[in-house]
Amino acid sequence: MSYRRDHRSSKSALFDGLDNLEEGGIRASSSFSHDVKDHDNGKAIESLHDRVAFLKRLTGDIHDEVESHNRMLDRMGNGMDATRGIMSGTMDRFKKAAAL
């Protein structure tokens, strides 16, 4: 009987520190998990930064294109106004010639 009691007590002594070991393992795992999350967040932030930079360049290009089209439309509008003036003068001359 004493052998069993001694065996149990030595077994108990052997695994007494296991709870502390497991807690340490949990903390190490938590620390590792935190580092992984920080790394993942860093990668996500970098990816987001790249996307924002791309969108900024894209919107700048769109702005330049819109400005270019607006200038072209303004020139077309001015040309149409000039053409309207010429046509109006021509129509007035036709009316005068038709009235004679």
N, C-alpha and C. Protein backbone atom coordinates (compact mmCIF):
# COMPACT_ATOMS: atom_id res chain seq x y z
N MET A 1 0.80 -1.19 0.00
CA MET A 1 0.00 0.00 0.00
C MET A 1 0.85 1.25 0.00
N SER A 2 1.90 1.24 0.74
CA SER A 2 2.72 2.43 0.83
C SER A 2 3.36 2.72 -0.53
N TYR A 3 3.62 1.66 -1.32
CA TYR A 3 4.17 1.88 -2.65
C TYR A 3 3.20 2.69 -3.49
N ARG A 4 1.91 2.31 -3.42
CA ARG A 4 0.89 3.04 -4.18
C ARG A 4 0.78 4.47 -3.72
N ARG A 5 0.80 4.67 -2.40
CA ARG A 5 0.70 6.01 -1.86
C ARG A 5 1.91 6.83 -2.29
N ASP A 6 3.09 6.24 -2.23
CA ASP A 6 4.31 6.93 -2.64
C ASP A 6 4.27 7.23 -4.14
N HIS A 7 3.76 6.26 -4.90
CA HIS A 7 3.67 6.44 -6.34
C HIS A 7 2.72 7.59 -6.68
N ARG A 8 1.54 7.61 -5.99
CA ARG A 8 0.58 8.68 -6.22
C ARG A 8 1.16 10.03 -5.83
N SER A 9 1.84 10.08 -4.71
CA SER A 9 2.40 11.35 -4.27
C SER A 9 3.51 11.81 -5.20
N SER A 10 4.32 10.88 -5.70
CA SER A 10 5.38 11.28 -6.64
C SER A 10 4.76 11.70 -7.97
N LYS A 11 3.68 11.01 -8.37
CA LYS A 11 2.98 11.38 -9.59
C LYS A 11 2.36 12.76 -9.43
N SER A 12 1.78 13.01 -8.28
CA SER A 12 1.19 14.31 -8.00
C SER A 12 2.26 15.38 -8.00
N ALA A 13 3.41 15.09 -7.40
CA ALA A 13 4.51 16.05 -7.37
C ALA A 13 5.04 16.31 -8.77
N LEU A 14 5.04 15.26 -9.59
CA LEU A 14 5.54 15.39 -10.94
C LEU A 14 4.66 16.32 -11.77
N PHE A 15 3.36 16.23 -11.60
CA PHE A 15 2.44 17.01 -12.42
C PHE A 15 1.90 18.25 -11.71
N ASP A 16 2.40 18.58 -10.52
CA ASP A 16 1.95 19.78 -9.83
C ASP A 16 2.25 21.03 -10.63
N GLY A 17 3.40 21.11 -11.23
CA GLY A 17 3.79 22.30 -11.99
C GLY A 17 3.16 22.35 -13.37
N LEU A 18 2.41 21.31 -13.74
CA LEU A 18 1.82 21.27 -15.07
C LEU A 18 0.82 22.40 -15.26
N ASP A 19 0.05 22.73 -14.21
CA ASP A 19 -0.90 23.83 -14.34
C ASP A 19 -0.18 25.12 -14.67
N ASN A 20 0.92 25.38 -14.00
CA ASN A 20 1.69 26.58 -14.28
C ASN A 20 2.28 26.55 -15.69
N LEU A 21 2.73 25.36 -16.09
CA LEU A 21 3.29 25.21 -17.43
C LEU A 21 2.22 25.50 -18.48
N GLU A 22 1.02 24.96 -18.26
CA GLU A 22 -0.06 25.20 -19.22
C GLU A 22 -0.43 26.66 -19.26
N GLU A 23 -0.46 27.33 -18.11
CA GLU A 23 -0.78 28.75 -18.10
C GLU A 23 0.28 29.53 -18.86
N GLY A 24 1.54 29.15 -18.66
CA GLY A 24 2.62 29.79 -19.40
C GLY A 24 2.48 29.54 -20.89
N GLY A 25 2.08 28.34 -21.24
CA GLY A 25 1.85 28.00 -22.63
C GLY A 25 0.73 28.83 -23.22
N ILE A 26 -0.29 29.05 -22.43
CA ILE A 26 -1.42 29.86 -22.90
C ILE A 26 -0.95 31.30 -23.11
N ARG A 27 -0.16 31.80 -22.18
CA ARG A 27 0.35 33.16 -22.33
C ARG A 27 1.26 33.27 -23.55
N ALA A 28 2.09 32.27 -23.75
CA ALA A 28 2.97 32.29 -24.91
C ALA A 28 2.13 32.22 -26.18
N SER A 29 1.12 31.39 -26.16
CA SER A 29 0.24 31.28 -27.31
C SER A 29 -0.49 32.58 -27.55
N SER A 30 -0.95 33.21 -26.48
CA SER A 30 -1.65 34.49 -26.60
C SER A 30 -0.71 35.55 -27.15
N SER A 31 0.53 35.54 -26.68
CA SER A 31 1.52 36.49 -27.17
C SER A 31 1.80 36.24 -28.64
N PHE A 32 1.94 34.97 -28.99
CA PHE A 32 2.17 34.61 -30.38
C PHE A 32 0.99 35.03 -31.24
N SER A 33 -0.22 34.77 -30.74
CA SER A 33 -1.43 35.15 -31.45
C SER A 33 -1.49 36.66 -31.64
N HIS A 34 -1.09 37.39 -30.61
CA HIS A 34 -1.08 38.85 -30.69
C HIS A 34 -0.09 39.32 -31.76
N ASP A 35 1.09 38.68 -31.81
CA ASP A 35 2.09 39.03 -32.82
C ASP A 35 1.58 38.72 -34.22
N VAL A 36 0.89 37.60 -34.36
CA VAL A 36 0.34 37.22 -35.66
C VAL A 36 -0.72 38.23 -36.07
N LYS A 37 -1.57 38.61 -35.12
CA LYS A 37 -2.61 39.60 -35.42
C LYS A 37 -1.99 40.94 -35.80
N ASP A 38 -0.93 41.34 -35.09
CA ASP A 38 -0.25 42.58 -35.43
C ASP A 38 0.34 42.50 -36.84
N HIS A 39 0.94 41.37 -37.16
CA HIS A 39 1.51 41.18 -38.49
C HIS A 39 0.41 41.23 -39.55
N ASP A 40 -0.70 40.53 -39.30
CA ASP A 40 -1.82 40.54 -40.24
C ASP A 40 -2.39 41.95 -40.39
N ASN A 41 -2.51 42.66 -39.28
CA ASN A 41 -3.01 44.04 -39.35
C ASN A 41 -2.05 44.91 -40.15
N GLY A 42 -0.76 44.72 -39.95
CA GLY A 42 0.22 45.48 -40.71
C GLY A 42 0.10 45.22 -42.20
N LYS A 43 -0.08 43.95 -42.56
CA LYS A 43 -0.24 43.61 -43.97
C LYS A 43 -1.53 44.21 -44.52
N ALA A 44 -2.60 44.17 -43.72
CA ALA A 44 -3.88 44.73 -44.16
C ALA A 44 -3.77 46.24 -44.34
N ILE A 45 -3.08 46.90 -43.42
CA ILE A 45 -2.90 48.35 -43.52
C ILE A 45 -2.07 48.69 -44.75
N GLU A 46 -1.03 47.91 -45.00
CA GLU A 46 -0.20 48.14 -46.18
C GLU A 46 -1.02 47.95 -47.46
N SER A 47 -1.84 46.91 -47.49
CA SER A 47 -2.69 46.66 -48.65
C SER A 47 -3.69 47.80 -48.82
N LEU A 48 -4.27 48.25 -47.73
CA LEU A 48 -5.23 49.36 -47.78
C LEU A 48 -4.54 50.63 -48.25
N HIS A 49 -3.32 50.86 -47.77
CA HIS A 49 -2.55 52.04 -48.20
C HIS A 49 -2.31 51.99 -49.71
N ASP A 50 -1.96 50.81 -50.23
CA ASP A 50 -1.74 50.67 -51.67
C ASP A 50 -3.02 50.94 -52.44
N ARG A 51 -4.14 50.44 -51.94
CA ARG A 51 -5.42 50.67 -52.61
C ARG A 51 -5.80 52.14 -52.60
N VAL A 52 -5.59 52.80 -51.48
CA VAL A 52 -5.91 54.23 -51.37
C VAL A 52 -5.03 55.03 -52.33
N ALA A 53 -3.74 54.69 -52.40
CA ALA A 53 -2.83 55.38 -53.31
C ALA A 53 -3.28 55.16 -54.77
N PHE A 54 -3.68 53.93 -55.09
CA PHE A 54 -4.17 53.65 -56.44
C PHE A 54 -5.43 54.47 -56.74
N LEU A 55 -6.37 54.49 -55.80
CA LEU A 55 -7.60 55.24 -56.01
C LEU A 55 -7.33 56.74 -56.13
N LYS A 56 -6.35 57.24 -55.38
CA LYS A 56 -5.99 58.65 -55.45
C LYS A 56 -5.45 58.98 -56.85
N ARG A 57 -4.56 58.11 -57.36
CA ARG A 57 -4.03 58.33 -58.71
C ARG A 57 -5.16 58.23 -59.74
N LEU A 58 -6.04 57.25 -59.56
CA LEU A 58 -7.14 57.06 -60.50
C LEU A 58 -8.07 58.27 -60.51
N THR A 59 -8.43 58.77 -59.34
CA THR A 59 -9.31 59.94 -59.29
C THR A 59 -8.61 61.17 -59.86
N GLY A 60 -7.30 61.28 -59.67
CA GLY A 60 -6.55 62.38 -60.29
C GLY A 60 -6.60 62.28 -61.81
N ASP A 61 -6.42 61.07 -62.33
CA ASP A 61 -6.49 60.86 -63.78
C ASP A 61 -7.89 61.17 -64.31
N ILE A 62 -8.91 60.76 -63.57
CA ILE A 62 -10.30 61.04 -63.97
C ILE A 62 -10.53 62.55 -63.98
N HIS A 63 -10.02 63.24 -62.96
CA HIS A 63 -10.17 64.70 -62.88
C HIS A 63 -9.52 65.37 -64.09
N ASP A 64 -8.30 64.93 -64.42
CA ASP A 64 -7.61 65.50 -65.59
C ASP A 64 -8.39 65.26 -66.87
N GLU A 65 -8.95 64.06 -67.01
CA GLU A 65 -9.73 63.72 -68.20
C GLU A 65 -11.00 64.57 -68.28
N VAL A 66 -11.67 64.77 -67.15
CA VAL A 66 -12.88 65.59 -67.12
C VAL A 66 -12.54 67.03 -67.49
N GLU A 67 -11.44 67.55 -66.95
CA GLU A 67 -11.02 68.91 -67.29
C GLU A 67 -10.75 69.03 -68.79
N SER A 68 -10.10 68.03 -69.35
CA SER A 68 -9.80 68.03 -70.79
C SER A 68 -11.09 68.02 -71.60
N HIS A 69 -12.03 67.18 -71.21
CA HIS A 69 -13.31 67.13 -71.93
C HIS A 69 -14.09 68.43 -71.78
N ASN A 70 -14.04 69.03 -70.61
CA ASN A 70 -14.73 70.31 -70.42
C ASN A 70 -14.15 71.39 -71.33
N ARG A 71 -12.81 71.43 -71.45
CA ARG A 71 -12.18 72.41 -72.35
C ARG A 71 -12.61 72.16 -73.80
N MET A 72 -12.63 70.87 -74.20
CA MET A 72 -13.04 70.53 -75.56
C MET A 72 -14.50 70.94 -75.80
N LEU A 73 -15.37 70.66 -74.83
CA LEU A 73 -16.78 71.03 -74.99
C LEU A 73 -16.96 72.54 -75.02
N ASP A 74 -16.17 73.26 -74.25
CA ASP A 74 -16.23 74.73 -74.29
C ASP A 74 -15.84 75.25 -75.67
N ARG A 75 -14.76 74.67 -76.25
CA ARG A 75 -14.34 75.07 -77.60
C ARG A 75 -15.43 74.73 -78.62
N MET A 76 -16.04 73.55 -78.47
CA MET A 76 -17.12 73.17 -79.39
C MET A 76 -18.30 74.13 -79.25
N GLY A 77 -18.63 74.49 -78.02
CA GLY A 77 -19.73 75.42 -77.78
C GLY A 77 -19.45 76.78 -78.40
N ASN A 78 -18.20 77.25 -78.24
CA ASN A 78 -17.83 78.53 -78.85
C ASN A 78 -17.89 78.45 -80.37
N GLY A 79 -17.45 77.32 -80.91
CA GLY A 79 -17.52 77.12 -82.37
C GLY A 79 -18.96 77.08 -82.85
N MET A 80 -19.83 76.44 -82.09
CA MET A 80 -21.25 76.39 -82.47
C MET A 80 -21.88 77.78 -82.41
N ASP A 81 -21.50 78.55 -81.40
CA ASP A 81 -22.02 79.93 -81.31
C ASP A 81 -21.58 80.75 -82.52
N ALA A 82 -20.32 80.59 -82.90
CA ALA A 82 -19.82 81.31 -84.07
C ALA A 82 -20.55 80.86 -85.33
N THR A 83 -20.77 79.56 -85.46
CA THR A 83 -21.49 79.03 -86.62
C THR A 83 -22.93 79.54 -86.64
N ARG A 84 -23.56 79.59 -85.47
CA ARG A 84 -24.93 80.10 -85.37
C ARG A 84 -24.97 81.56 -85.84
N GLY A 85 -23.98 82.34 -85.44
CA GLY A 85 -23.93 83.75 -85.86
C GLY A 85 -23.78 83.87 -87.37
N ILE A 86 -22.92 83.05 -87.95
CA ILE A 86 -22.72 83.08 -89.41
C ILE A 86 -23.99 82.66 -90.12
N MET A 87 -24.63 81.60 -89.64
CA MET A 87 -25.87 81.11 -90.26
C MET A 87 -26.99 82.13 -90.13
N SER A 88 -27.05 82.81 -89.01
CA SER A 88 -28.07 83.83 -88.81
C SER A 88 -27.89 84.96 -89.82
N GLY A 89 -26.64 85.38 -90.02
CA GLY A 89 -26.36 86.44 -91.01
C GLY A 89 -26.70 85.98 -92.41
N THR A 90 -26.38 84.74 -92.73
CA THR A 90 -26.68 84.19 -94.05
C THR A 90 -28.18 84.11 -94.26
N MET A 91 -28.93 83.69 -93.24
CA MET A 91 -30.40 83.60 -93.35
C MET A 91 -31.01 84.99 -93.53
N ASP A 92 -30.45 85.98 -92.85
CA ASP A 92 -30.94 87.36 -93.01
C ASP A 92 -30.74 87.83 -94.45
N ARG A 93 -29.60 87.51 -95.04
CA ARG A 93 -29.34 87.90 -96.43
C ARG A 93 -30.27 87.18 -97.40
N PHE A 94 -30.56 85.90 -97.12
CA PHE A 94 -31.52 85.16 -97.95
C PHE A 94 -32.91 85.78 -97.86
N LYS A 95 -33.30 86.14 -96.67
CA LYS A 95 -34.62 86.76 -96.49
C LYS A 95 -34.71 88.07 -97.26
N LYS A 96 -33.62 88.86 -97.21
CA LYS A 96 -33.62 90.13 -97.92
C LYS A 96 -33.66 89.88 -99.44
N ALA A 97 -32.92 88.87 -99.89
CA ALA A 97 -32.90 88.57 -101.33
C ALA A 97 -34.26 88.02 -101.76
N ALA A 98 -34.91 87.25 -100.91
CA ALA A 98 -36.21 86.68 -101.26
C ALA A 98 -37.29 87.75 -101.27
N ALA A 99 -37.11 88.79 -100.47
CA ALA A 99 -38.10 89.85 -100.39
C ALA A 99 -38.04 90.76 -101.62
N LEU A 100 -36.95 90.78 -102.30
CA LEU A 100 -36.82 91.67 -103.46
C LEU A 100 -37.49 91.09 -104.62
